[in-house]
């Protein structure tokens, strides 16, 4: 029981002075600032801040993430664990290569992820090599749409099964993998 916790537009929530944890037993709404510290990935409340919510976590406002260690690609910490996530942060202030994933790795979780782009491309459709709509790029954590087509300076370029890519320009490329049926 209890009432819904609401962090207003001028408010700040900070789970700990040094990483710590907070638990809300009847929902959590934040349209103000949420300040999260991450000093490692091993243990919530010791290495990184975490908020646990029984009920719905309604998000908006600003997430300020402070990273106090040297991360490696693929590092992630779940900073909110709720029954349901509603909304997203309108602003995320985090160091380069850190991003927020909602309902990841499972429903009701908000996770900070450190992703180092690899430069790998793969096809998502058949068509011309130079059309970026035929490609997606690996950002270090997942495959995402891209606004450019792959070039010689990129890493592995994969033409997937069922896709045909036409190259009409005289362009040098390397590290191309053509899957069976591609």
C-alpha atoms as a PDB file:
ATOM      1  CA  UNK A   1       0.000   0.000   0.000  1.00  0.00           C
ATOM      2  CA  UNK A   2       1.067   3.625   0.073  1.00  0.00           C
ATOM      3  CA  UNK A   3       0.871   6.287  -2.568  1.00  0.00           C
ATOM      4  CA  UNK A   4       2.471   6.679  -5.958  1.00  0.00           C
ATOM      5  CA  UNK A   5       5.863   8.411  -5.785  1.00  0.00           C
ATOM      6  CA  UNK A   6       6.048  11.364  -8.160  1.00  0.00           C
ATOM      7  CA  UNK A   7       9.232  13.263  -9.032  1.00  0.00           C
ATOM      8  CA  UNK A   8       8.025  16.614 -10.395  1.00  0.00           C
ATOM      9  CA  UNK A   9       9.620  18.581 -13.222  1.00  0.00           C
ATOM     10  CA  UNK A  10      11.986  20.456 -10.897  1.00  0.00           C
ATOM     11  CA  UNK A  11      12.789  17.448  -8.706  1.00  0.00           C
ATOM     12  CA  UNK A  12      15.836  15.175  -8.516  1.00  0.00           C
ATOM     13  CA  UNK A  13      15.951  11.497  -7.600  1.00  0.00           C
ATOM     14  CA  UNK A  14      19.329   9.991  -6.763  1.00  0.00           C
ATOM     15  CA  UNK A  15      19.273   6.443  -5.387  1.00  0.00           C
ATOM     16  CA  UNK A  16      22.518   6.805  -3.434  1.00  0.00           C
ATOM     17  CA  UNK A  17      25.506   8.940  -2.568  1.00  0.00           C
ATOM     18  CA  UNK A  18      27.877   6.470  -4.073  1.00  0.00           C
ATOM     19  CA  UNK A  19      25.793   3.776  -5.695  1.00  0.00           C
ATOM     20  CA  UNK A  20      22.701   2.772  -3.802  1.00  0.00           C
ATOM     21  CA  UNK A  21      19.172   1.420  -4.234  1.00  0.00           C
ATOM     22  CA  UNK A  22      15.656   2.701  -3.749  1.00  0.00           C
ATOM     23  CA  UNK A  23      12.400   0.748  -3.732  1.00  0.00           C
ATOM     24  CA  UNK A  24       8.954   2.165  -4.474  1.00  0.00           C
ATOM     25  CA  UNK A  25       6.060  -0.047  -3.432  1.00  0.00           C
ATOM     26  CA  UNK A  26       3.216   1.618  -5.315  1.00  0.00           C
ATOM     27  CA  UNK A  27       4.520   2.988  -8.610  1.00  0.00           C
ATOM     28  CA  UNK A  28       7.065   5.619  -9.611  1.00  0.00           C
ATOM     29  CA  UNK A  29       6.658   8.656 -11.871  1.00  0.00           C
ATOM     30  CA  UNK A  30       9.621  10.800 -12.854  1.00  0.00           C
ATOM     31  CA  UNK A  31       9.323  13.900 -15.038  1.00  0.00           C
ATOM     32  CA  UNK A  32      12.214  15.615 -13.269  1.00  0.00           C
ATOM     33  CA  UNK A  33      15.838  14.429 -13.153  1.00  0.00           C
ATOM     34  CA  UNK A  34      16.997  10.927 -12.313  1.00  0.00           C
ATOM     35  CA  UNK A  35      20.699  10.785 -11.395  1.00  0.00           C
ATOM     36  CA  UNK A  36      22.314   7.355 -11.779  1.00  0.00           C
ATOM     37  CA  UNK A  37      25.882   6.422 -10.819  1.00  0.00           C
ATOM     38  CA  UNK A  38      27.659   3.437 -12.385  1.00  0.00           C
ATOM     39  CA  UNK A  39      31.044   2.422 -10.953  1.00  0.00           C
ATOM     40  CA  UNK A  40      31.018  -1.176 -12.234  1.00  0.00           C
ATOM     41  CA  UNK A  41      28.621  -3.918 -13.318  1.00  0.00           C
ATOM     42  CA  UNK A  42      28.930  -6.633 -10.681  1.00  0.00           C
ATOM     43  CA  UNK A  43      26.458  -5.736  -7.931  1.00  0.00           C
ATOM     44  CA  UNK A  44      23.449  -3.410  -7.802  1.00  0.00           C
ATOM     45  CA  UNK A  45      23.487  -0.993  -4.856  1.00  0.00           C
ATOM     46  CA  UNK A  46      27.258  -1.394  -4.505  1.00  0.00           C
ATOM     47  CA  UNK A  47      28.608  -0.893  -8.038  1.00  0.00           C
ATOM     48  CA  UNK A  48      25.633   0.923  -9.585  1.00  0.00           C
ATOM     49  CA  UNK A  49      22.385   2.642  -8.636  1.00  0.00           C
ATOM     50  CA  UNK A  50      19.131   0.764  -9.053  1.00  0.00           C
ATOM     51  CA  UNK A  51      15.459   1.587  -8.559  1.00  0.00           C
ATOM     52  CA  UNK A  52      12.948  -1.190  -7.912  1.00  0.00           C
ATOM     53  CA  UNK A  53       9.276  -0.420  -8.512  1.00  0.00           C
ATOM     54  CA  UNK A  54       6.257  -2.506  -7.579  1.00  0.00           C
ATOM     55  CA  UNK A  55       3.794  -1.401 -10.229  1.00  0.00           C
ATOM     56  CA  UNK A  56       4.383   0.984 -13.124  1.00  0.00           C
ATOM     57  CA  UNK A  57       7.460   3.152 -13.621  1.00  0.00           C
ATOM     58  CA  UNK A  58       6.331   6.148 -15.686  1.00  0.00           C
ATOM     59  CA  UNK A  59       9.304   7.874 -17.256  1.00  0.00           C
ATOM     60  CA  UNK A  60       9.922  11.315 -18.726  1.00  0.00           C
ATOM     61  CA  UNK A  61      12.275  14.095 -17.807  1.00  0.00           C
ATOM     62  CA  UNK A  62      16.047  13.668 -17.768  1.00  0.00           C
ATOM     63  CA  UNK A  63      18.326  10.739 -17.043  1.00  0.00           C
ATOM     64  CA  UNK A  64      21.808  11.829 -15.927  1.00  0.00           C
ATOM     65  CA  UNK A  65      24.220   8.886 -15.974  1.00  0.00           C
ATOM     66  CA  UNK A  66      27.625   9.286 -14.339  1.00  0.00           C
ATOM     67  CA  UNK A  67      30.129   6.552 -15.200  1.00  0.00           C
ATOM     68  CA  UNK A  68      32.984   6.114 -12.714  1.00  0.00           C
ATOM     69  CA  UNK A  69      34.939   3.213 -14.214  1.00  0.00           C
ATOM     70  CA  UNK A  70      36.491   2.131 -17.522  1.00  0.00           C
ATOM     71  CA  UNK A  71      33.789   0.102 -19.321  1.00  0.00           C
ATOM     72  CA  UNK A  72      34.297  -2.582 -21.933  1.00  0.00           C
ATOM     73  CA  UNK A  73      32.041  -3.230 -24.927  1.00  0.00           C
ATOM     74  CA  UNK A  74      28.854  -5.039 -23.953  1.00  0.00           C
ATOM     75  CA  UNK A  75      28.755  -3.816 -20.341  1.00  0.00           C
ATOM     76  CA  UNK A  76      25.214  -3.256 -19.097  1.00  0.00           C
ATOM     77  CA  UNK A  77      23.412  -2.518 -15.851  1.00  0.00           C
ATOM     78  CA  UNK A  78      19.691  -2.608 -15.129  1.00  0.00           C
ATOM     79  CA  UNK A  79      18.905   0.690 -13.433  1.00  0.00           C
ATOM     80  CA  UNK A  80      15.117   0.308 -13.122  1.00  0.00           C
ATOM     81  CA  UNK A  81      13.267  -2.925 -12.410  1.00  0.00           C
ATOM     82  CA  UNK A  82       9.487  -2.430 -12.485  1.00  0.00           C
ATOM     83  CA  UNK A  83       6.387  -4.455 -13.243  1.00  0.00           C
ATOM     84  CA  UNK A  84       5.709  -2.196 -16.264  1.00  0.00           C
ATOM     85  CA  UNK A  85       7.601   0.629 -17.987  1.00  0.00           C
ATOM     86  CA  UNK A  86       5.549   3.500 -19.431  1.00  0.00           C
ATOM     87  CA  UNK A  87       7.212   6.246 -21.467  1.00  0.00           C
ATOM     88  CA  UNK A  88      10.884   7.041 -22.008  1.00  0.00           C
ATOM     89  CA  UNK A  89      13.305   9.683 -20.792  1.00  0.00           C
ATOM     90  CA  UNK A  90      12.970  12.839 -22.887  1.00  0.00           C
ATOM     91  CA  UNK A  91      16.682  13.615 -22.401  1.00  0.00           C
ATOM     92  CA  UNK A  92      19.573  11.241 -21.687  1.00  0.00           C
ATOM     93  CA  UNK A  93      22.874  12.714 -20.521  1.00  0.00           C
ATOM     94  CA  UNK A  94      25.449   9.935 -20.653  1.00  0.00           C
ATOM     95  CA  UNK A  95      29.043   9.565 -21.852  1.00  0.00           C
ATOM     96  CA  UNK A  96      29.788   8.480 -25.423  1.00  0.00           C
ATOM     97  CA  UNK A  97      28.727   4.947 -26.415  1.00  0.00           C
ATOM     98  CA  UNK A  98      26.288   4.593 -23.489  1.00  0.00           C
ATOM     99  CA  UNK A  99      22.615   4.164 -24.406  1.00  0.00           C
ATOM    100  CA  UNK A 100      19.318   3.360 -22.708  1.00  0.00           C
ATOM    101  CA  UNK A 101      17.337   0.224 -23.571  1.00  0.00           C
ATOM    102  CA  UNK A 102      13.707   0.065 -22.427  1.00  0.00           C
ATOM    103  CA  UNK A 103      12.093  -3.284 -21.568  1.00  0.00           C
ATOM    104  CA  UNK A 104      15.525  -4.862 -21.923  1.00  0.00           C
ATOM    105  CA  UNK A 105      16.647  -7.534 -21.234  1.00  0.00           C
ATOM    106  CA  UNK A 106      13.060  -8.298 -20.201  1.00  0.00           C
ATOM    107  CA  UNK A 107       9.768  -6.420 -19.809  1.00  0.00           C
ATOM    108  CA  UNK A 108       9.788  -3.845 -17.039  1.00  0.00           C
ATOM    109  CA  UNK A 109      13.532  -3.219 -17.065  1.00  0.00           C
ATOM    110  CA  UNK A 110      15.493  -0.111 -18.062  1.00  0.00           C
ATOM    111  CA  UNK A 111      19.123  -0.865 -18.825  1.00  0.00           C
ATOM    112  CA  UNK A 112      22.169   1.269 -19.516  1.00  0.00           C
ATOM    113  CA  UNK A 113      24.352  -0.381 -22.189  1.00  0.00           C
ATOM    114  CA  UNK A 114      27.887   0.397 -23.339  1.00  0.00           C
ATOM    115  CA  UNK A 115      28.145  -0.289 -27.054  1.00  0.00           C
ATOM    116  CA  UNK A 116      31.275   0.130 -29.156  1.00  0.00           C
ATOM    117  CA  UNK A 117      30.425   0.337 -32.862  1.00  0.00           C
ATOM    118  CA  UNK A 118      32.173  -2.367 -34.884  1.00  0.00           C
ATOM    119  CA  UNK A 119      31.690  -1.022 -38.386  1.00  0.00           C
ATOM    120  CA  UNK A 120      29.960  -4.229 -39.525  1.00  0.00           C
ATOM    121  CA  UNK A 121      27.121  -3.980 -42.072  1.00  0.00           C
ATOM    122  CA  UNK A 122      24.530  -6.472 -43.300  1.00  0.00           C
ATOM    123  CA  UNK A 123      21.731  -6.350 -45.841  1.00  0.00           C
ATOM    124  CA  UNK A 124      18.085  -5.987 -44.888  1.00  0.00           C
ATOM    125  CA  UNK A 125      16.792  -5.943 -48.475  1.00  0.00           C
ATOM    126  CA  UNK A 126      17.841  -6.436 -52.081  1.00  0.00           C
ATOM    127  CA  UNK A 127      18.809  -3.468 -54.244  1.00  0.00           C
ATOM    128  CA  UNK A 128      21.654  -1.109 -55.055  1.00  0.00           C
ATOM    129  CA  UNK A 129      24.814  -1.124 -52.952  1.00  0.00           C
ATOM    130  CA  UNK A 130      24.746   2.666 -52.560  1.00  0.00           C
ATOM    131  CA  UNK A 131      21.188   2.780 -51.167  1.00  0.00           C
ATOM    132  CA  UNK A 132      21.508   2.961 -47.362  1.00  0.00           C
ATOM    133  CA  UNK A 133      17.913   1.654 -47.007  1.00  0.00           C
ATOM    134  CA  UNK A 134      19.274  -1.803 -47.985  1.00  0.00           C
ATOM    135  CA  UNK A 135      21.670  -1.928 -45.024  1.00  0.00           C
ATOM    136  CA  UNK A 136      21.865  -1.969 -41.263  1.00  0.00           C
ATOM    137  CA  UNK A 137      24.923  -1.452 -39.077  1.00  0.00           C
ATOM    138  CA  UNK A 138      25.991  -3.123 -35.836  1.00  0.00           C
ATOM    139  CA  UNK A 139      26.326  -0.476 -33.113  1.00  0.00           C
ATOM    140  CA  UNK A 140      28.128  -2.761 -30.678  1.00  0.00           C
ATOM    141  CA  UNK A 141      24.918  -3.962 -29.021  1.00  0.00           C
ATOM    142  CA  UNK A 142      22.379  -4.478 -31.797  1.00  0.00           C
ATOM    143  CA  UNK A 143      21.688  -4.031 -35.514  1.00  0.00           C
ATOM    144  CA  UNK A 144      20.281  -0.573 -36.295  1.00  0.00           C
ATOM    145  CA  UNK A 145      19.239   1.322 -39.459  1.00  0.00           C
ATOM    146  CA  UNK A 146      22.006   3.317 -41.126  1.00  0.00           C
ATOM    147  CA  UNK A 147      22.067   6.464 -43.240  1.00  0.00           C
ATOM    148  CA  UNK A 148      25.147   5.460 -45.266  1.00  0.00           C
ATOM    149  CA  UNK A 149      26.098   2.438 -47.367  1.00  0.00           C
ATOM    150  CA  UNK A 150      29.224   0.431 -46.476  1.00  0.00           C
ATOM    151  CA  UNK A 151      32.642   1.429 -47.859  1.00  0.00           C
ATOM    152  CA  UNK A 152      36.185   0.079 -47.956  1.00  0.00           C
ATOM    153  CA  UNK A 153      36.892   1.499 -44.498  1.00  0.00           C
ATOM    154  CA  UNK A 154      34.152  -0.590 -42.850  1.00  0.00           C
ATOM    155  CA  UNK A 155      34.631  -4.004 -41.294  1.00  0.00           C
ATOM    156  CA  UNK A 156      32.716  -7.140 -42.316  1.00  0.00           C
ATOM    157  CA  UNK A 157      29.966  -6.596 -44.882  1.00  0.00           C
ATOM    158  CA  UNK A 158      27.450  -9.451 -45.136  1.00  0.00           C
ATOM    159  CA  UNK A 159      24.987 -10.038 -47.964  1.00  0.00           C
ATOM    160  CA  UNK A 160      22.346 -12.200 -46.326  1.00  0.00           C
ATOM    161  CA  UNK A 161      20.415 -15.194 -47.620  1.00  0.00           C
ATOM    162  CA  UNK A 162      17.707 -14.120 -50.075  1.00  0.00           C
ATOM    163  CA  UNK A 163      19.215 -10.704 -50.814  1.00  0.00           C
ATOM    164  CA  UNK A 164      20.827  -9.541 -54.058  1.00  0.00           C
ATOM    165  CA  UNK A 165      22.922  -6.372 -54.053  1.00  0.00           C
ATOM    166  CA  UNK A 166      23.896  -4.610 -57.299  1.00  0.00           C
ATOM    167  CA  UNK A 167      27.162  -2.701 -57.473  1.00  0.00           C
ATOM    168  CA  UNK A 168      27.262  -0.489 -60.581  1.00  0.00           C
ATOM    169  CA  UNK A 169      30.036   1.845 -59.468  1.00  0.00           C
ATOM    170  CA  UNK A 170      33.749   1.172 -59.661  1.00  0.00           C
ATOM    171  CA  UNK A 171      34.229   0.899 -55.898  1.00  0.00           C
ATOM    172  CA  UNK A 172      36.834  -1.024 -53.937  1.00  0.00           C
ATOM    173  CA  UNK A 173      35.445  -3.151 -51.080  1.00  0.00           C
ATOM    174  CA  UNK A 174      36.806  -5.940 -48.921  1.00  0.00           C
ATOM    175  CA  UNK A 175      35.700  -8.282 -46.139  1.00  0.00           C
ATOM    176  CA  UNK A 176      32.466  -9.190 -47.940  1.00  0.00           C
ATOM    177  CA  UNK A 177      30.653 -12.326 -46.817  1.00  0.00           C
ATOM    178  CA  UNK A 178      27.936 -13.716 -49.077  1.00  0.00           C
ATOM    179  CA  UNK A 179      25.687 -16.154 -47.243  1.00  0.00           C
ATOM    180  CA  UNK A 180      24.358 -19.221 -49.078  1.00  0.00           C
ATOM    181  CA  UNK A 181      21.438 -18.022 -51.180  1.00  0.00           C
ATOM    182  CA  UNK A 182      22.680 -14.403 -51.127  1.00  0.00           C
END
